[in-house]
Amino acid sequence: MPKHCLEKLFSLSLTICLLVISLTVTAQLNPPVGSSPWTFANPKPTGYSWLDMSFIDNQTGLAVGTNGGLGRTTDSGRTWLAVPFKYVTSTGSVALASFADVQFVTTSVAYAVASAGLMIKSNDGGVN
């Protein structure tokens, strides 16, 4: 067989191998909808869409989200205590904040920022 034919055959074989590898990796990285290996451990879905988290160490973390969602863990995220944060608006009605960001600034002080310029602060690591 002429050399140029062998080179084309090798090139085609290499291309096919790379295509098969690419498809295999893509399938592994993008599992079908509903087949993710991630599952809710505890608690089951809370009614909040969690949008941000901040951990001060390997154990203690805060999570914030929609519908006033505030969550705190002290066991590396195995369990969460989730509570809604309600506030009184300037018109006197009670509303649930939609939090977008939370950040520890020290081991005890944390801030969370919500829509409409709402900012809350905890001085005890998110307990209150």
N, C-alpha and C. Protein backbone atom coordinates (compact mmCIF):
# COMPACT_ATOMS: atom_id res chain seq x y z
N MET A 1 0.86 -1.16 0.00
CA MET A 1 0.00 0.00 0.00
C MET A 1 0.91 1.22 0.00
N PRO A 2 0.59 2.26 -0.80
CA PRO A 2 1.42 3.45 -0.85
C PRO A 2 1.41 4.19 0.49
N LYS A 3 2.48 4.91 0.72
CA LYS A 3 2.66 5.61 1.99
C LYS A 3 1.54 6.62 2.26
N HIS A 4 1.11 7.38 1.23
CA HIS A 4 0.07 8.38 1.44
C HIS A 4 -1.27 7.73 1.82
N CYS A 5 -1.52 6.53 1.33
CA CYS A 5 -2.75 5.80 1.71
C CYS A 5 -2.69 5.38 3.17
N LEU A 6 -1.54 4.92 3.62
CA LEU A 6 -1.38 4.54 5.03
C LEU A 6 -1.54 5.76 5.93
N GLU A 7 -1.00 6.91 5.51
CA GLU A 7 -1.13 8.13 6.31
C GLU A 7 -2.59 8.55 6.43
N LYS A 8 -3.33 8.46 5.31
CA LYS A 8 -4.76 8.82 5.33
C LYS A 8 -5.55 7.85 6.20
N LEU A 9 -5.22 6.56 6.11
CA LEU A 9 -5.89 5.56 6.92
C LEU A 9 -5.61 5.79 8.40
N PHE A 10 -4.36 6.07 8.74
CA PHE A 10 -3.99 6.37 10.13
C PHE A 10 -4.72 7.62 10.62
N SER A 11 -4.75 8.66 9.80
CA SER A 11 -5.42 9.92 10.16
C SER A 11 -6.91 9.69 10.40
N LEU A 12 -7.54 8.91 9.52
CA LEU A 12 -8.97 8.61 9.67
C LEU A 12 -9.21 7.80 10.94
N SER A 13 -8.36 6.82 11.22
CA SER A 13 -8.50 6.01 12.43
C SER A 13 -8.34 6.86 13.69
N LEU A 14 -7.36 7.75 13.66
CA LEU A 14 -7.14 8.64 14.80
C LEU A 14 -8.33 9.56 15.02
N THR A 15 -8.88 10.09 13.94
CA THR A 15 -10.05 10.97 14.03
C THR A 15 -11.24 10.23 14.63
N ILE A 16 -11.47 9.01 14.18
CA ILE A 16 -12.59 8.21 14.71
C ILE A 16 -12.39 7.91 16.19
N CYS A 17 -11.17 7.54 16.58
CA CYS A 17 -10.88 7.28 17.99
C CYS A 17 -11.12 8.51 18.85
N LEU A 18 -10.65 9.66 18.39
CA LEU A 18 -10.86 10.90 19.15
C LEU A 18 -12.34 11.26 19.25
N LEU A 19 -13.09 11.03 18.18
CA LEU A 19 -14.53 11.29 18.21
C LEU A 19 -15.23 10.39 19.23
N VAL A 20 -14.88 9.12 19.25
CA VAL A 20 -15.49 8.18 20.21
C VAL A 20 -15.14 8.58 21.64
N ILE A 21 -13.88 8.93 21.88
CA ILE A 21 -13.47 9.37 23.22
C ILE A 21 -14.21 10.63 23.62
N SER A 22 -14.33 11.57 22.69
CA SER A 22 -15.03 12.83 22.97
C SER A 22 -16.49 12.58 23.33
N LEU A 23 -17.16 11.74 22.57
CA LEU A 23 -18.56 11.44 22.85
C LEU A 23 -18.73 10.74 24.19
N THR A 24 -17.81 9.85 24.52
CA THR A 24 -17.86 9.14 25.80
C THR A 24 -17.68 10.10 26.96
N VAL A 25 -16.69 10.98 26.88
CA VAL A 25 -16.45 11.95 27.95
C VAL A 25 -17.63 12.90 28.08
N THR A 26 -18.17 13.37 26.95
CA THR A 26 -19.32 14.27 26.99
C THR A 26 -20.51 13.60 27.65
N ALA A 27 -20.75 12.35 27.34
CA ALA A 27 -21.87 11.62 27.94
C ALA A 27 -21.68 11.47 29.44
N GLN A 28 -20.44 11.25 29.88
CA GLN A 28 -20.19 11.10 31.31
C GLN A 28 -20.31 12.42 32.04
N LEU A 29 -19.90 13.53 31.42
CA LEU A 29 -19.96 14.83 32.07
C LEU A 29 -21.34 15.45 32.01
N ASN A 30 -22.17 15.02 31.08
CA ASN A 30 -23.51 15.57 30.91
C ASN A 30 -24.54 14.45 30.99
N PRO A 31 -24.81 13.94 32.19
CA PRO A 31 -25.78 12.84 32.29
C PRO A 31 -27.17 13.33 31.90
N PRO A 32 -28.04 12.44 31.46
CA PRO A 32 -29.40 12.83 31.10
C PRO A 32 -30.10 13.50 32.28
N VAL A 33 -31.05 14.38 31.96
CA VAL A 33 -31.80 15.09 32.99
C VAL A 33 -32.45 14.08 33.93
N GLY A 34 -32.32 14.33 35.22
CA GLY A 34 -32.91 13.46 36.22
C GLY A 34 -32.03 12.31 36.65
N SER A 35 -30.83 12.21 36.09
CA SER A 35 -29.96 11.09 36.46
C SER A 35 -28.70 11.54 37.18
N SER A 36 -28.71 12.72 37.75
CA SER A 36 -27.54 13.23 38.46
C SER A 36 -27.26 12.39 39.69
N PRO A 37 -25.97 12.16 39.99
CA PRO A 37 -25.64 11.41 41.21
C PRO A 37 -25.86 12.23 42.48
N TRP A 38 -26.09 13.54 42.35
CA TRP A 38 -26.34 14.40 43.52
C TRP A 38 -27.76 14.21 44.00
N THR A 39 -27.93 14.08 45.32
CA THR A 39 -29.26 13.95 45.90
C THR A 39 -29.34 14.83 47.14
N PHE A 40 -30.56 15.19 47.52
CA PHE A 40 -30.75 15.92 48.77
C PHE A 40 -30.47 14.96 49.90
N ALA A 41 -29.59 15.36 50.81
CA ALA A 41 -29.27 14.51 51.95
C ALA A 41 -30.18 14.87 53.11
N ASN A 42 -30.12 16.10 53.56
CA ASN A 42 -30.93 16.54 54.68
C ASN A 42 -30.80 18.04 54.78
N PRO A 43 -31.81 18.81 54.84
CA PRO A 43 -33.21 18.41 54.74
C PRO A 43 -33.60 18.19 53.28
N LYS A 44 -34.76 17.60 53.12
CA LYS A 44 -35.31 17.48 51.77
C LYS A 44 -35.59 18.90 51.28
N PRO A 45 -35.95 19.08 50.01
CA PRO A 45 -36.17 20.44 49.50
C PRO A 45 -37.02 21.28 50.44
N THR A 46 -36.59 22.52 50.65
CA THR A 46 -37.18 23.37 51.68
C THR A 46 -38.18 24.39 51.16
N GLY A 47 -38.31 24.53 49.85
CA GLY A 47 -39.16 25.58 49.31
C GLY A 47 -38.37 26.82 48.94
N TYR A 48 -37.07 26.78 49.19
CA TYR A 48 -36.19 27.89 48.82
C TYR A 48 -35.30 27.45 47.67
N SER A 49 -34.98 28.40 46.80
CA SER A 49 -33.93 28.17 45.82
C SER A 49 -32.68 28.82 46.39
N TRP A 50 -31.71 28.01 46.80
CA TRP A 50 -30.49 28.55 47.39
C TRP A 50 -29.65 29.21 46.31
N LEU A 51 -29.24 30.46 46.54
CA LEU A 51 -28.52 31.22 45.54
C LEU A 51 -27.06 31.49 45.91
N ASP A 52 -26.71 31.43 47.20
CA ASP A 52 -25.34 31.67 47.59
C ASP A 52 -25.07 31.02 48.94
N MET A 53 -23.80 30.65 49.17
CA MET A 53 -23.37 30.06 50.44
C MET A 53 -22.03 30.65 50.83
N SER A 54 -21.79 30.68 52.12
CA SER A 54 -20.49 31.11 52.65
C SER A 54 -20.16 30.24 53.85
N PHE A 55 -18.95 29.69 53.86
CA PHE A 55 -18.50 28.86 54.98
C PHE A 55 -17.35 29.57 55.68
N ILE A 56 -17.40 29.61 56.99
CA ILE A 56 -16.33 30.23 57.77
C ILE A 56 -15.24 29.23 58.10
N ASP A 57 -15.59 27.94 58.15
CA ASP A 57 -14.62 26.87 58.37
C ASP A 57 -15.18 25.60 57.74
N ASN A 58 -14.61 24.46 58.03
CA ASN A 58 -15.07 23.21 57.43
C ASN A 58 -16.43 22.76 57.94
N GLN A 59 -16.92 23.35 59.02
CA GLN A 59 -18.18 22.92 59.64
C GLN A 59 -19.33 23.91 59.44
N THR A 60 -19.06 25.19 59.66
CA THR A 60 -20.11 26.19 59.78
C THR A 60 -20.30 26.98 58.50
N GLY A 61 -21.55 27.01 58.01
CA GLY A 61 -21.85 27.75 56.80
C GLY A 61 -23.25 28.32 56.82
N LEU A 62 -23.43 29.34 55.98
CA LEU A 62 -24.73 29.97 55.80
C LEU A 62 -25.13 29.86 54.33
N ALA A 63 -26.42 29.77 54.08
CA ALA A 63 -26.96 29.76 52.72
C ALA A 63 -28.12 30.75 52.67
N VAL A 64 -28.27 31.41 51.54
CA VAL A 64 -29.37 32.35 51.35
C VAL A 64 -30.03 32.08 50.01
N GLY A 65 -31.29 32.51 49.91
CA GLY A 65 -31.99 32.28 48.65
C GLY A 65 -33.31 33.02 48.56
N THR A 66 -34.17 32.50 47.72
CA THR A 66 -35.46 33.12 47.45
C THR A 66 -36.44 32.86 48.59
N ASN A 67 -37.57 33.54 48.54
CA ASN A 67 -38.65 33.36 49.52
C ASN A 67 -38.18 33.55 50.96
N GLY A 68 -37.19 34.42 51.15
CA GLY A 68 -36.69 34.71 52.49
C GLY A 68 -35.79 33.63 53.05
N GLY A 69 -35.31 32.74 52.21
CA GLY A 69 -34.54 31.59 52.67
C GLY A 69 -33.21 31.94 53.32
N LEU A 70 -33.06 31.54 54.58
CA LEU A 70 -31.81 31.61 55.31
C LEU A 70 -31.56 30.23 55.89
N GLY A 71 -30.37 29.70 55.68
CA GLY A 71 -30.05 28.39 56.22
C GLY A 71 -28.69 28.40 56.89
N ARG A 72 -28.53 27.54 57.90
CA ARG A 72 -27.26 27.46 58.63
C ARG A 72 -26.94 25.99 58.89
N THR A 73 -25.67 25.65 58.72
CA THR A 73 -25.19 24.30 59.02
C THR A 73 -23.99 24.40 59.95
N THR A 74 -23.86 23.42 60.82
CA THR A 74 -22.69 23.35 61.70
C THR A 74 -22.02 21.98 61.58
N ASP A 75 -22.44 21.20 60.57
CA ASP A 75 -21.87 19.87 60.38
C ASP A 75 -21.47 19.64 58.91
N SER A 76 -20.85 20.63 58.35
CA SER A 76 -20.33 20.54 56.97
C SER A 76 -21.42 20.35 55.93
N GLY A 77 -22.63 20.79 56.22
CA GLY A 77 -23.71 20.70 55.26
C GLY A 77 -24.52 19.42 55.31
N ARG A 78 -24.25 18.54 56.26
CA ARG A 78 -25.04 17.31 56.37
C ARG A 78 -26.49 17.63 56.75
N THR A 79 -26.66 18.58 57.66
CA THR A 79 -28.00 19.04 58.04
C THR A 79 -28.02 20.55 58.00
N TRP A 80 -29.19 21.09 57.74
CA TRP A 80 -29.38 22.54 57.65
C TRP A 80 -30.60 22.94 58.46
N LEU A 81 -30.49 24.05 59.17
CA LEU A 81 -31.64 24.67 59.81
C LEU A 81 -32.03 25.82 58.89
N ALA A 82 -33.20 25.73 58.29
CA ALA A 82 -33.65 26.74 57.34
C ALA A 82 -34.87 27.47 57.89
N VAL A 83 -34.83 28.79 57.83
CA VAL A 83 -35.94 29.61 58.30
C VAL A 83 -36.18 30.75 57.31
N PRO A 84 -37.44 31.20 57.17
CA PRO A 84 -37.70 32.34 56.29
C PRO A 84 -37.41 33.66 57.02
N PHE A 85 -36.87 34.62 56.30
CA PHE A 85 -36.64 35.94 56.87
C PHE A 85 -37.72 36.86 56.35
N LYS A 86 -38.54 37.37 57.28
CA LYS A 86 -39.62 38.29 56.93
C LYS A 86 -39.24 39.68 57.43
N TYR A 87 -39.70 40.70 56.71
CA TYR A 87 -39.44 42.07 57.13
C TYR A 87 -40.64 42.94 56.77
N VAL A 88 -40.71 44.10 57.37
CA VAL A 88 -41.80 45.04 57.12
C VAL A 88 -41.30 46.07 56.11
N THR A 89 -42.04 46.22 55.02
CA THR A 89 -41.67 47.17 53.97
C THR A 89 -42.00 48.60 54.39
N SER A 90 -41.59 49.56 53.58
CA SER A 90 -41.87 50.97 53.88
C SER A 90 -43.36 51.28 53.84
N THR A 91 -44.15 50.44 53.18
CA THR A 91 -45.61 50.64 53.13
C THR A 91 -46.32 49.92 54.27
N GLY A 92 -45.56 49.21 55.12
CA GLY A 92 -46.15 48.55 56.27
C GLY A 92 -46.56 47.11 56.04
N SER A 93 -46.30 46.56 54.85
CA SER A 93 -46.67 45.17 54.61
C SER A 93 -45.50 44.24 54.94
N VAL A 94 -45.83 43.01 55.25
CA VAL A 94 -44.80 42.01 55.56
C VAL A 94 -44.39 41.33 54.25
N ALA A 95 -43.08 41.19 54.05
CA ALA A 95 -42.56 40.60 52.82
C ALA A 95 -41.46 39.59 53.14
N LEU A 96 -41.21 38.71 52.19
CA LEU A 96 -40.10 37.76 52.28
C LEU A 96 -38.97 38.29 51.40
N ALA A 97 -37.78 38.35 51.94
CA ALA A 97 -36.63 38.84 51.18
C ALA A 97 -36.20 37.82 50.15
N SER A 98 -35.62 38.30 49.06
CA SER A 98 -35.02 37.43 48.06
C SER A 98 -33.52 37.68 48.09
N PHE A 99 -32.82 36.85 48.87
CA PHE A 99 -31.39 37.06 49.09
C PHE A 99 -30.56 36.57 47.89
N ALA A 100 -29.50 37.31 47.59
CA ALA A 100 -28.63 36.95 46.48
C ALA A 100 -27.20 36.70 46.91
N ASP A 101 -26.81 37.14 48.12
CA ASP A 101 -25.41 37.02 48.52
C ASP A 101 -25.31 36.94 50.03
N VAL A 102 -24.36 36.14 50.50
CA VAL A 102 -24.05 36.05 51.93
C VAL A 102 -22.55 35.92 52.06
N GLN A 103 -22.00 36.55 53.09
CA GLN A 103 -20.55 36.51 53.26
C GLN A 103 -20.19 36.64 54.73
N PHE A 104 -19.35 35.73 55.22
CA PHE A 104 -18.75 35.89 56.54
C PHE A 104 -17.62 36.91 56.39
N VAL A 105 -17.52 37.85 57.33
CA VAL A 105 -16.38 38.78 57.33
C VAL A 105 -15.46 38.50 58.51
N THR A 106 -15.99 37.87 59.54
CA THR A 106 -15.19 37.35 60.65
C THR A 106 -15.85 36.03 61.05
N THR A 107 -15.32 35.38 62.07
CA THR A 107 -15.93 34.12 62.49
C THR A 107 -17.32 34.30 63.07
N SER A 108 -17.65 35.51 63.51
CA SER A 108 -18.97 35.73 64.08
C SER A 108 -19.84 36.68 63.26
N VAL A 109 -19.26 37.56 62.47
CA VAL A 109 -20.04 38.55 61.71
C VAL A 109 -20.24 38.09 60.27
N ALA A 110 -21.52 38.11 59.86
CA ALA A 110 -21.88 37.75 58.48
C ALA A 110 -22.92 38.74 57.98
N TYR A 111 -22.87 39.04 56.69
CA TYR A 111 -23.84 39.92 56.05
C TYR A 111 -24.54 39.15 54.94
N ALA A 112 -25.82 39.46 54.75
CA ALA A 112 -26.59 38.92 53.63
C ALA A 112 -27.27 40.09 52.94
N VAL A 113 -27.27 40.07 51.61
CA VAL A 113 -27.84 41.16 50.81
C VAL A 113 -29.00 40.60 50.00
N ALA A 114 -30.09 41.38 49.98
CA ALA A 114 -31.30 40.96 49.27
C ALA A 114 -31.72 42.04 48.29
N SER A 115 -32.82 41.77 47.62
CA SER A 115 -33.37 42.74 46.67
C SER A 115 -33.85 44.00 47.40
N ALA A 116 -34.06 45.04 46.64
CA ALA A 116 -34.58 46.32 47.14
C ALA A 116 -33.66 46.96 48.18
N GLY A 117 -32.36 46.65 48.13
CA GLY A 117 -31.40 47.29 49.03
C GLY A 117 -31.39 46.76 50.44
N LEU A 118 -32.06 45.66 50.70
CA LEU A 118 -32.11 45.08 52.04
C LEU A 118 -30.78 44.40 52.36
N MET A 119 -30.22 44.71 53.53
CA MET A 119 -29.01 44.06 54.03
C MET A 119 -29.23 43.69 55.48
N ILE A 120 -28.87 42.45 55.83
CA ILE A 120 -28.99 42.03 57.23
C ILE A 120 -27.62 41.61 57.73
N LYS A 121 -27.46 41.64 59.05
CA LYS A 121 -26.19 41.32 59.68
C LYS A 121 -26.41 40.38 60.84
N SER A 122 -25.50 39.41 60.96
CA SER A 122 -25.50 38.52 62.12
C SER A 122 -24.19 38.76 62.88
N ASN A 123 -24.30 38.86 64.21
CA ASN A 123 -23.12 39.03 65.05
C ASN A 123 -22.72 37.75 65.78
N ASP A 124 -23.47 36.64 65.50
CA ASP A 124 -23.19 35.40 66.22
C ASP A 124 -23.04 34.22 65.28
N GLY A 125 -22.41 34.44 64.14
CA GLY A 125 -22.15 33.35 63.19
C GLY A 125 -23.36 32.82 62.48
N GLY A 126 -24.43 33.61 62.43
CA GLY A 126 -25.63 33.20 61.73
C GLY A 126 -26.68 32.55 62.59
N VAL A 127 -26.43 32.46 63.89
CA VAL A 127 -27.46 31.90 64.78
C VAL A 127 -28.69 32.81 64.77
N ASN A 128 -28.45 34.12 64.86
CA ASN A 128 -29.53 35.13 64.81
C ASN A 128 -29.21 36.16 63.74
